[in-house]
Amino acid sequence: MLRKSYSKTRRMCRVTFDFPPDVNATMASVCGDFNEWSASAHPMKHRKDGRFSTTISLEAGRDYRFRYLLDGRRWENDWAADEYVRNGFGTEDSLIKV
């Protein structure tokens, strides 16, 4: 799930990325073109209810590709993404428009 909260000037958007609790994983991170697909740049907190969550500030007026990396080896999309776009690996990336 994605939640967007824009600054008063609408130049920045705080995006909360939530991954559901029904996934069998011990750690997760959100990777995308906003962090050069780094697995360590935006680790997600494992919440008491089982979901993973993190909030990132992104420049507004742009589209960003992203995916979740679970346990350092399994890629997952966000099914609440604004769109899905083909990537160079034969799969799709999630897309968020901010």
PDB file of N, CA and C in Angstrom:
ATOM      1  N   MET A   1       0.846  -1.172   0.000  1.00  0.00           N
ATOM      2  CA  MET A   1       0.000   0.000   0.000  1.00  0.00           C
ATOM      3  C   MET A   1       0.893   1.238   0.000  1.00  0.00           C
ATOM      4  N   LEU A   2       0.441   2.261  -0.634  1.00  0.00           N
ATOM      5  CA  LEU A   2       1.176   3.519  -0.727  1.00  0.00           C
ATOM      6  C   LEU A   2       0.330   4.655  -0.172  1.00  0.00           C
ATOM      7  N   ARG A   3       0.981   5.524   0.616  1.00  0.00           N
ATOM      8  CA  ARG A   3       0.308   6.733   1.099  1.00  0.00           C
ATOM      9  C   ARG A   3       1.184   7.918   0.733  1.00  0.00           C
ATOM     10  N   LYS A   4       0.575   8.956   0.164  1.00  0.00           N
ATOM     11  CA  LYS A   4       1.302  10.149  -0.269  1.00  0.00           C
ATOM     12  C   LYS A   4       0.855  11.350   0.556  1.00  0.00           C
ATOM     13  N   SER A   5       1.834  12.155   0.976  1.00  0.00           N
ATOM     14  CA  SER A   5       1.552  13.373   1.724  1.00  0.00           C
ATOM     15  C   SER A   5       2.459  14.476   1.183  1.00  0.00           C
ATOM     16  N   TYR A   6       1.845  15.465   0.533  1.00  0.00           N
ATOM     17  CA  TYR A   6       2.608  16.527  -0.126  1.00  0.00           C
ATOM     18  C   TYR A   6       2.942  17.654   0.843  1.00  0.00           C
ATOM     19  N   SER A   7       4.102  18.283   0.612  1.00  0.00           N
ATOM     20  CA  SER A   7       4.489  19.466   1.388  1.00  0.00           C
ATOM     21  C   SER A   7       3.583  20.631   0.987  1.00  0.00           C
ATOM     22  N   LYS A   8       3.602  21.684   1.782  1.00  0.00           N
ATOM     23  CA  LYS A   8       2.765  22.853   1.483  1.00  0.00           C
ATOM     24  C   LYS A   8       3.106  23.459   0.128  1.00  0.00           C
ATOM     25  N   THR A   9       4.375  23.419  -0.242  1.00  0.00           N
ATOM     26  CA  THR A   9       4.794  23.970  -1.533  1.00  0.00           C
ATOM     27  C   THR A   9       4.569  22.982  -2.675  1.00  0.00           C
ATOM     28  N   ARG A  10       4.243  21.739  -2.341  1.00  0.00           N
ATOM     29  CA  ARG A  10       4.005  20.648  -3.292  1.00  0.00           C
ATOM     30  C   ARG A  10       5.258  20.292  -4.091  1.00  0.00           C
ATOM     31  N   ARG A  11       6.423  20.680  -3.570  1.00  0.00           N
ATOM     32  CA  ARG A  11       7.678  20.320  -4.239  1.00  0.00           C
ATOM     33  C   ARG A  11       8.177  18.953  -3.809  1.00  0.00           C
ATOM     34  N   MET A  12       7.779  18.541  -2.615  1.00  0.00           N
ATOM     35  CA  MET A  12       8.196  17.246  -2.081  1.00  0.00           C
ATOM     36  C   MET A  12       6.961  16.455  -1.668  1.00  0.00           C
ATOM     37  N   CYS A  13       7.124  15.150  -1.672  1.00  0.00           N
ATOM     38  CA  CYS A  13       6.041  14.264  -1.260  1.00  0.00           C
ATOM     39  C   CYS A  13       6.624  13.185  -0.358  1.00  0.00           C
ATOM     40  N   ARG A  14       6.048  13.044   0.824  1.00  0.00           N
ATOM     41  CA  ARG A  14       6.445  11.950   1.717  1.00  0.00           C
ATOM     42  C   ARG A  14       5.589  10.747   1.346  1.00  0.00           C
ATOM     43  N   VAL A  15       6.260   9.685   0.943  1.00  0.00           N
ATOM     44  CA  VAL A  15       5.563   8.473   0.526  1.00  0.00           C
ATOM     45  C   VAL A  15       5.823   7.386   1.561  1.00  0.00           C
ATOM     46  N   THR A  16       4.752   6.819   2.088  1.00  0.00           N
ATOM     47  CA  THR A  16       4.873   5.684   2.996  1.00  0.00           C
ATOM     48  C   THR A  16       4.614   4.420   2.198  1.00  0.00           C
ATOM     49  N   PHE A  17       5.600   3.546   2.213  1.00  0.00           N
ATOM     50  CA  PHE A  17       5.525   2.257   1.537  1.00  0.00           C
ATOM     51  C   PHE A  17       5.203   1.208   2.592  1.00  0.00           C
ATOM     52  N   ASP A  18       4.115   0.469   2.401  1.00  0.00           N
ATOM     53  CA  ASP A  18       3.710  -0.605   3.312  1.00  0.00           C
ATOM     54  C   ASP A  18       3.626  -1.906   2.542  1.00  0.00           C
ATOM     55  N   PHE A  19       4.232  -2.942   3.091  1.00  0.00           N
ATOM     56  CA  PHE A  19       4.118  -4.267   2.491  1.00  0.00           C
ATOM     57  C   PHE A  19       3.324  -5.129   3.460  1.00  0.00           C
ATOM     58  N   PRO A  20       2.342  -5.890   2.973  1.00  0.00           N
ATOM     59  CA  PRO A  20       1.391  -6.579   3.843  1.00  0.00           C
ATOM     60  C   PRO A  20       2.020  -7.648   4.735  1.00  0.00           C
ATOM     61  N   PRO A  21       1.334  -7.960   5.836  1.00  0.00           N
ATOM     62  CA  PRO A  21       1.855  -8.921   6.799  1.00  0.00           C
ATOM     63  C   PRO A  21       1.780 -10.375   6.355  1.00  0.00           C
ATOM     64  N   ASP A  22       1.083 -10.667   5.286  1.00  0.00           N
ATOM     65  CA  ASP A  22       0.911 -12.066   4.890  1.00  0.00           C
ATOM     66  C   ASP A  22       2.100 -12.630   4.119  1.00  0.00           C
ATOM     67  N   VAL A  23       3.190 -11.897   4.049  1.00  0.00           N
ATOM     68  CA  VAL A  23       4.377 -12.362   3.352  1.00  0.00           C
ATOM     69  C   VAL A  23       5.290 -13.066   4.358  1.00  0.00           C
ATOM     70  N   ASN A  24       5.909 -14.136   3.916  1.00  0.00           N
ATOM     71  CA  ASN A  24       6.805 -14.895   4.776  1.00  0.00           C
ATOM     72  C   ASN A  24       8.224 -14.363   4.598  1.00  0.00           C
ATOM     73  N   ALA A  25       8.557 -13.291   5.336  1.00  0.00           N
ATOM     74  CA  ALA A  25       9.882 -12.679   5.225  1.00  0.00           C
ATOM     75  C   ALA A  25      10.305 -12.152   6.591  1.00  0.00           C
ATOM     76  N   THR A  26      11.609 -12.077   6.802  1.00  0.00           N
ATOM     77  CA  THR A  26      12.130 -11.547   8.057  1.00  0.00           C
ATOM     78  C   THR A  26      12.669 -10.132   7.900  1.00  0.00           C
ATOM     79  N   MET A  27      12.978  -9.722   6.657  1.00  0.00           N
ATOM     80  CA  MET A  27      13.419  -8.350   6.418  1.00  0.00           C
ATOM     81  C   MET A  27      12.994  -7.920   5.027  1.00  0.00           C
ATOM     82  N   ALA A  28      12.873  -6.602   4.865  1.00  0.00           N
ATOM     83  CA  ALA A  28      12.443  -6.052   3.578  1.00  0.00           C
ATOM     84  C   ALA A  28      13.064  -4.673   3.393  1.00  0.00           C
ATOM     85  N   SER A  29      13.222  -4.294   2.137  1.00  0.00           N
ATOM     86  CA  SER A  29      13.663  -2.941   1.806  1.00  0.00           C
ATOM     87  C   SER A  29      12.940  -2.510   0.542  1.00  0.00           C
ATOM     88  N   VAL A  30      12.828  -1.200   0.366  1.00  0.00           N
ATOM     89  CA  VAL A  30      12.239  -0.679  -0.863  1.00  0.00           C
ATOM     90  C   VAL A  30      13.392  -0.146  -1.708  1.00  0.00           C
ATOM     91  N   CYS A  31      13.439  -0.626  -2.939  1.00  0.00           N
ATOM     92  CA  CYS A  31      14.521  -0.279  -3.864  1.00  0.00           C
ATOM     93  C   CYS A  31      13.893   0.343  -5.103  1.00  0.00           C
ATOM     94  N   GLY A  32      14.553   1.356  -5.653  1.00  0.00           N
ATOM     95  CA  GLY A  32      14.004   1.982  -6.844  1.00  0.00           C
ATOM     96  C   GLY A  32      14.983   2.942  -7.477  1.00  0.00           C
ATOM     97  N   ASP A  33      14.517   3.599  -8.529  1.00  0.00           N
ATOM     98  CA  ASP A  33      15.413   4.543  -9.200  1.00  0.00           C
ATOM     99  C   ASP A  33      15.695   5.768  -8.333  1.00  0.00           C
ATOM    100  N   PHE A  34      14.920   5.978  -7.267  1.00  0.00           N
ATOM    101  CA  PHE A  34      15.172   7.079  -6.334  1.00  0.00           C
ATOM    102  C   PHE A  34      16.353   6.797  -5.406  1.00  0.00           C
ATOM    103  N   ASN A  35      16.813   5.543  -5.321  1.00  0.00           N
ATOM    104  CA  ASN A  35      17.981   5.216  -4.495  1.00  0.00           C
ATOM    105  C   ASN A  35      18.980   4.319  -5.239  1.00  0.00           C
ATOM    106  N   GLU A  36      18.937   4.396  -6.572  1.00  0.00           N
ATOM    107  CA  GLU A  36      19.824   3.614  -7.440  1.00  0.00           C
ATOM    108  C   GLU A  36      19.693   2.115  -7.177  1.00  0.00           C
ATOM    109  N   TRP A  37      18.491   1.680  -6.803  1.00  0.00           N
ATOM    110  CA  TRP A  37      18.163   0.275  -6.559  1.00  0.00           C
ATOM    111  C   TRP A  37      19.005  -0.337  -5.444  1.00  0.00           C
ATOM    112  N   SER A  38      19.352   0.483  -4.470  1.00  0.00           N
ATOM    113  CA  SER A  38      20.159   0.028  -3.340  1.00  0.00           C
ATOM    114  C   SER A  38      19.309  -0.768  -2.349  1.00  0.00           C
ATOM    115  N   ALA A  39      19.782  -1.947  -1.982  1.00  0.00           N
ATOM    116  CA  ALA A  39      19.078  -2.779  -1.009  1.00  0.00           C
ATOM    117  C   ALA A  39      19.257  -2.263   0.415  1.00  0.00           C
ATOM    118  N   SER A  40      20.261  -1.421   0.638  1.00  0.00           N
ATOM    119  CA  SER A  40      20.539  -0.947   1.998  1.00  0.00           C
ATOM    120  C   SER A  40      20.085   0.496   2.252  1.00  0.00           C
ATOM    121  N   ALA A  41      19.702   1.227   1.224  1.00  0.00           N
ATOM    122  CA  ALA A  41      19.363   2.648   1.385  1.00  0.00           C
ATOM    123  C   ALA A  41      18.070   2.875   2.168  1.00  0.00           C
ATOM    124  N   HIS A  42      17.064   2.038   1.973  1.00  0.00           N
ATOM    125  CA  HIS A  42      15.767   2.235   2.628  1.00  0.00           C
ATOM    126  C   HIS A  42      15.228   0.920   3.198  1.00  0.00           C
ATOM    127  N   PRO A  43      15.839   0.446   4.292  1.00  0.00           N
ATOM    128  CA  PRO A  43      15.289  -0.750   4.941  1.00  0.00           C
ATOM    129  C   PRO A  43      13.920  -0.430   5.533  1.00  0.00           C
ATOM    130  N   MET A  44      13.092  -1.443   5.607  1.00  0.00           N
ATOM    131  CA  MET A  44      11.743  -1.253   6.125  1.00  0.00           C
ATOM    132  C   MET A  44      11.657  -1.823   7.535  1.00  0.00           C
ATOM    133  N   LYS A  45      10.851  -1.166   8.387  1.00  0.00           N
ATOM    134  CA  LYS A  45      10.655  -1.651   9.754  1.00  0.00           C
ATOM    135  C   LYS A  45       9.609  -2.754   9.747  1.00  0.00           C
ATOM    136  N   HIS A  46       9.873  -3.796  10.524  1.00  0.00           N
ATOM    137  CA  HIS A  46       8.911  -4.876  10.690  1.00  0.00           C
ATOM    138  C   HIS A  46       7.997  -4.480  11.848  1.00  0.00           C
ATOM    139  N   ARG A  47       6.759  -4.152  11.558  1.00  0.00           N
ATOM    140  CA  ARG A  47       5.797  -3.652  12.541  1.00  0.00           C
ATOM    141  C   ARG A  47       5.184  -4.799  13.349  1.00  0.00           C
ATOM    142  N   LYS A  48       4.576  -4.445  14.480  1.00  0.00           N
ATOM    143  CA  LYS A  48       3.966  -5.447  15.356  1.00  0.00           C
ATOM    144  C   LYS A  48       2.871  -6.239  14.659  1.00  0.00           C
ATOM    145  N   ASP A  49       2.162  -5.587  13.732  1.00  0.00           N
ATOM    146  CA  ASP A  49       1.079  -6.276  13.024  1.00  0.00           C
ATOM    147  C   ASP A  49       1.594  -7.160  11.886  1.00  0.00           C
ATOM    148  N   GLY A  50       2.925  -7.223  11.710  1.00  0.00           N
ATOM    149  CA  GLY A  50       3.519  -8.102  10.709  1.00  0.00           C
ATOM    150  C   GLY A  50       3.888  -7.432   9.404  1.00  0.00           C
ATOM    151  N   ARG A  51       3.369  -6.226   9.163  1.00  0.00           N
ATOM    152  CA  ARG A  51       3.691  -5.553   7.903  1.00  0.00           C
ATOM    153  C   ARG A  51       5.067  -4.904   7.982  1.00  0.00           C
ATOM    154  N   PHE A  52       5.625  -4.587   6.825  1.00  0.00           N
ATOM    155  CA  PHE A  52       6.868  -3.836   6.717  1.00  0.00           C
ATOM    156  C   PHE A  52       6.520  -2.430   6.246  1.00  0.00           C
ATOM    157  N   SER A  53       7.237  -1.414   6.767  1.00  0.00           N
ATOM    158  CA  SER A  53       6.884  -0.036   6.434  1.00  0.00           C
ATOM    159  C   SER A  53       8.107   0.874   6.476  1.00  0.00           C
ATOM    160  N   THR A  54       8.121   1.867   5.592  1.00  0.00           N
ATOM    161  CA  THR A  54       9.107   2.945   5.634  1.00  0.00           C
ATOM    162  C   THR A  54       8.531   4.157   4.913  1.00  0.00           C
ATOM    163  N   THR A  55       9.034   5.342   5.252  1.00  0.00           N
ATOM    164  CA  THR A  55       8.591   6.583   4.617  1.00  0.00           C
ATOM    165  C   THR A  55       9.791   7.278   3.996  1.00  0.00           C
ATOM    166  N   ILE A  56       9.622   7.732   2.757  1.00  0.00           N
ATOM    167  CA  ILE A  56      10.695   8.363   1.995  1.00  0.00           C
ATOM    168  C   ILE A  56      10.173   9.676   1.411  1.00  0.00           C
ATOM    169  N   SER A  57      10.992  10.723   1.454  1.00  0.00           N
ATOM    170  CA  SER A  57      10.648  11.995   0.805  1.00  0.00           C
ATOM    171  C   SER A  57      11.152  11.973  -0.630  1.00  0.00           C
ATOM    172  N   LEU A  58      10.244  12.233  -1.567  1.00  0.00           N
ATOM    173  CA  LEU A  58      10.579  12.226  -2.989  1.00  0.00           C
ATOM    174  C   LEU A  58      10.206  13.563  -3.620  1.00  0.00           C
ATOM    175  N   GLU A  59      10.959  13.947  -4.630  1.00  0.00           N
ATOM    176  CA  GLU A  59      10.658  15.169  -5.369  1.00  0.00           C
ATOM    177  C   GLU A  59       9.342  14.979  -6.124  1.00  0.00           C
ATOM    178  N   ALA A  60       8.431  15.925  -5.978  1.00  0.00           N
ATOM    179  CA  ALA A  60       7.122  15.839  -6.629  1.00  0.00           C
ATOM    180  C   ALA A  60       7.237  16.133  -8.121  1.00  0.00           C
ATOM    181  N   GLY A  61       6.213  15.713  -8.869  1.00  0.00           N
ATOM    182  CA  GLY A  61       6.162  15.966 -10.301  1.00  0.00           C
ATOM    183  C   GLY A  61       6.911  14.943 -11.128  1.00  0.00           C
ATOM    184  N   ARG A  62       7.227  13.807 -10.529  1.00  0.00           N
ATOM    185  CA  ARG A  62       7.991  12.770 -11.229  1.00  0.00           C
ATOM    186  C   ARG A  62       7.346  11.408 -11.024  1.00  0.00           C
ATOM    187  N   ASP A  63       7.744  10.471 -11.869  1.00  0.00           N
ATOM    188  CA  ASP A  63       7.377   9.068 -11.719  1.00  0.00           C
ATOM    189  C   ASP A  63       8.612   8.314 -11.249  1.00  0.00           C
ATOM    190  N   TYR A  64       8.406   7.343 -10.365  1.00  0.00           N
ATOM    191  CA  TYR A  64       9.513   6.552  -9.835  1.00  0.00           C
ATOM    192  C   TYR A  64       9.194   5.064  -9.954  1.00  0.00           C
ATOM    193  N   ARG A  65      10.162   4.302 -10.424  1.00  0.00           N
ATOM    194  CA  ARG A  65      10.056   2.841 -10.449  1.00  0.00           C
ATOM    195  C   ARG A  65      10.565   2.304  -9.118  1.00  0.00           C
ATOM    196  N   PHE A  66       9.926   1.242  -8.631  1.00  0.00           N
ATOM    197  CA  PHE A  66      10.401   0.623  -7.397  1.00  0.00           C
ATOM    198  C   PHE A  66       9.895  -0.811  -7.288  1.00  0.00           C
ATOM    199  N   ARG A  67      10.530  -1.548  -6.382  1.00  0.00           N
ATOM    200  CA  ARG A  67      10.094  -2.889  -6.000  1.00  0.00           C
ATOM    201  C   ARG A  67      10.526  -3.121  -4.560  1.00  0.00           C
ATOM    202  N   TYR A  68       9.936  -4.123  -3.942  1.00  0.00           N
ATOM    203  CA  TYR A  68      10.341  -4.528  -2.601  1.00  0.00           C
ATOM    204  C   TYR A  68      11.297  -5.706  -2.723  1.00  0.00           C
ATOM    205  N   LEU A  69      12.354  -5.689  -1.920  1.00  0.00           N
ATOM    206  CA  LEU A  69      13.295  -6.801  -1.861  1.00  0.00           C
ATOM    207  C   LEU A  69      13.125  -7.466  -0.505  1.00  0.00           C
ATOM    208  N   LEU A  70      12.690  -8.722  -0.527  1.00  0.00           N
ATOM    209  CA  LEU A  70      12.423  -9.471   0.699  1.00  0.00           C
ATOM    210  C   LEU A  70      13.552 -10.455   0.964  1.00  0.00           C
ATOM    211  N   ASP A  71      14.053 -10.417   2.190  1.00  0.00           N
ATOM    212  CA  ASP A  71      15.138 -11.305   2.633  1.00  0.00           C
ATOM    213  C   ASP A  71      16.354 -11.265   1.716  1.00  0.00           C
ATOM    214  N   GLY A  72      16.550 -10.150   1.026  1.00  0.00           N
ATOM    215  CA  GLY A  72      17.723  -9.965   0.187  1.00  0.00           C
ATOM    216  C   GLY A  72      17.757 -10.786  -1.081  1.00  0.00           C
ATOM    217  N   ARG A  73      16.628 -11.472  -1.411  1.00  0.00           N
ATOM    218  CA  ARG A  73      16.669 -12.333  -2.584  1.00  0.00           C
ATOM    219  C   ARG A  73      15.385 -12.401  -3.409  1.00  0.00           C
ATOM    220  N   ARG A  74      14.275 -11.981  -2.857  1.00  0.00           N
ATOM    221  CA  ARG A  74      12.997 -12.121  -3.568  1.00  0.00           C
ATOM    222  C   ARG A  74      12.394 -10.745  -3.842  1.00  0.00           C
ATOM    223  N   TRP A  75      12.111 -10.468  -5.113  1.00  0.00           N
ATOM    224  CA  TRP A  75      11.527  -9.191  -5.526  1.00  0.00           C
ATOM    225  C   TRP A  75      10.007  -9.300  -5.575  1.00  0.00           C
ATOM    226  N   GLU A  76       9.330  -8.268  -5.082  1.00  0.00           N
ATOM    227  CA  GLU A  76       7.868  -8.205  -5.114  1.00  0.00           C
ATOM    228  C   GLU A  76       7.428  -6.808  -5.537  1.00  0.00           C
ATOM    229  N   ASN A  77       6.315  -6.738  -6.238  1.00  0.00           N
ATOM    230  CA  ASN A  77       5.713  -5.458  -6.602  1.00  0.00           C
ATOM    231  C   ASN A  77       4.706  -5.028  -5.548  1.00  0.00           C
ATOM    232  N   ASP A  78       4.338  -3.773  -5.599  1.00  0.00           N
ATOM    233  CA  ASP A  78       3.282  -3.240  -4.746  1.00  0.00           C
ATOM    234  C   ASP A  78       2.001  -3.253  -5.569  1.00  0.00           C
ATOM    235  N   TRP A  79       1.012  -4.008  -5.125  1.00  0.00           N
ATOM    236  CA  TRP A  79      -0.215  -4.161  -5.913  1.00  0.00           C
ATOM    237  C   TRP A  79      -1.110  -2.937  -5.821  1.00  0.00           C
ATOM    238  N   ALA A  80      -0.685  -1.922  -5.058  1.00  0.00           N
ATOM    239  CA  ALA A  80      -1.404  -0.646  -5.021  1.00  0.00           C
ATOM    240  C   ALA A  80      -0.656   0.430  -5.806  1.00  0.00           C
ATOM    241  N   ALA A  81       0.329   0.032  -6.599  1.00  0.00           N
ATOM    242  CA  ALA A  81       1.112   0.996  -7.386  1.00  0.00           C
ATOM    243  C   ALA A  81       0.218   1.713  -8.392  1.00  0.00           C
ATOM    244  N   ASP A  82       0.659   2.896  -8.805  1.00  0.00           N
ATOM    245  CA  ASP A  82      -0.103   3.665  -9.786  1.00  0.00           C
ATOM    246  C   ASP A  82      -0.097   2.997 -11.156  1.00  0.00           C
ATOM    247  N   GLU A  83       0.999   2.342 -11.496  1.00  0.00           N
ATOM    248  CA  GLU A  83       1.131   1.613 -12.764  1.00  0.00           C
ATOM    249  C   GLU A  83       2.206   0.552 -12.602  1.00  0.00           C
ATOM    250  N   TYR A  84       2.348  -0.265 -13.641  1.00  0.00           N
ATOM    251  CA  TYR A  84       3.430  -1.252 -13.721  1.00  0.00           C
ATOM    252  C   TYR A  84       4.089  -1.086 -15.075  1.00  0.00           C
ATOM    253  N   VAL A  85       5.424  -1.127 -15.084  1.00  0.00           N
ATOM    254  CA  VAL A  85       6.162  -0.930 -16.328  1.00  0.00           C
ATOM    255  C   VAL A  85       7.180  -2.048 -16.495  1.00  0.00           C
ATOM    256  N   ARG A  86       7.349  -2.470 -17.741  1.00  0.00           N
ATOM    257  CA  ARG A  86       8.323  -3.516 -18.060  1.00  0.00           C
ATOM    258  C   ARG A  86       9.724  -3.042 -17.723  1.00  0.00           C
ATOM    259  N   ASN A  87      10.537  -3.970 -17.219  1.00  0.00           N
ATOM    260  CA  ASN A  87      11.941  -3.648 -16.971  1.00  0.00           C
ATOM    261  C   ASN A  87      12.825  -4.495 -17.888  1.00  0.00           C
ATOM    262  N   GLY A  88      14.112  -4.336 -17.806  1.00  0.00           N
ATOM    263  CA  GLY A  88      15.048  -5.045 -18.666  1.00  0.00           C
ATOM    264  C   GLY A  88      15.309  -6.479 -18.263  1.00  0.00           C
ATOM    265  N   PHE A  89      14.608  -6.970 -17.245  1.00  0.00           N
ATOM    266  CA  PHE A  89      14.813  -8.334 -16.759  1.00  0.00           C
ATOM    267  C   PHE A  89      13.643  -9.253 -17.094  1.00  0.00           C
ATOM    268  N   GLY A  90      12.719  -8.783 -17.929  1.00  0.00           N
ATOM    269  CA  GLY A  90      11.585  -9.605 -18.332  1.00  0.00           C
ATOM    270  C   GLY A  90      10.447  -9.629 -17.327  1.00  0.00           C
ATOM    271  N   THR A  91      10.490  -8.759 -16.340  1.00  0.00           N
ATOM    272  CA  THR A  91       9.409  -8.658 -15.360  1.00  0.00           C
ATOM    273  C   THR A  91       8.914  -7.211 -15.346  1.00  0.00           C
ATOM    274  N   GLU A  92       8.120  -6.873 -14.358  1.00  0.00           N
ATOM    275  CA  GLU A  92       7.601  -5.512 -14.257  1.00  0.00           C
ATOM    276  C   GLU A  92       8.048  -4.859 -12.966  1.00  0.00           C
ATOM    277  N   ASP A  93       8.182  -3.538 -13.006  1.00  0.00           N
ATOM    278  CA  ASP A  93       8.433  -2.732 -11.817  1.00  0.00           C
ATOM    279  C   ASP A  93       7.145  -2.014 -11.449  1.00  0.00           C
ATOM    280  N   SER A  94       6.988  -1.733 -10.170  1.00  0.00           N
ATOM    281  CA  SER A  94       5.909  -0.859  -9.720  1.00  0.00           C
ATOM    282  C   SER A  94       6.281   0.572 -10.081  1.00  0.00           C
ATOM    283  N   LEU A  95       5.278   1.407 -10.313  1.00  0.00           N
ATOM    284  CA  LEU A  95       5.507   2.813 -10.637  1.00  0.00           C
ATOM    285  C   LEU A  95       4.637   3.664  -9.724  1.00  0.00           C
ATOM    286  N   ILE A  96       5.253   4.678  -9.124  1.00  0.00           N
ATOM    287  CA  ILE A  96       4.500   5.637  -8.323  1.00  0.00           C
ATOM    288  C   ILE A  96       4.650   7.009  -8.961  1.00  0.00           C
ATOM    289  N   LYS A  97       3.532   7.717  -9.064  1.00  0.00           N
ATOM    290  CA  LYS A  97       3.513   9.078  -9.621  1.00  0.00           C
ATOM    291  C   LYS A  97       3.316  10.044  -8.464  1.00  0.00           C
ATOM    292  N   VAL A  98       4.293  10.943  -8.272  1.00  0.00           N
ATOM    293  CA  VAL A  98       4.160  11.900  -7.162  1.00  0.00           C
ATOM    294  C   VAL A  98       4.173  13.328  -7.677  1.00  0.00           C
TER     295      VAL A  98
END
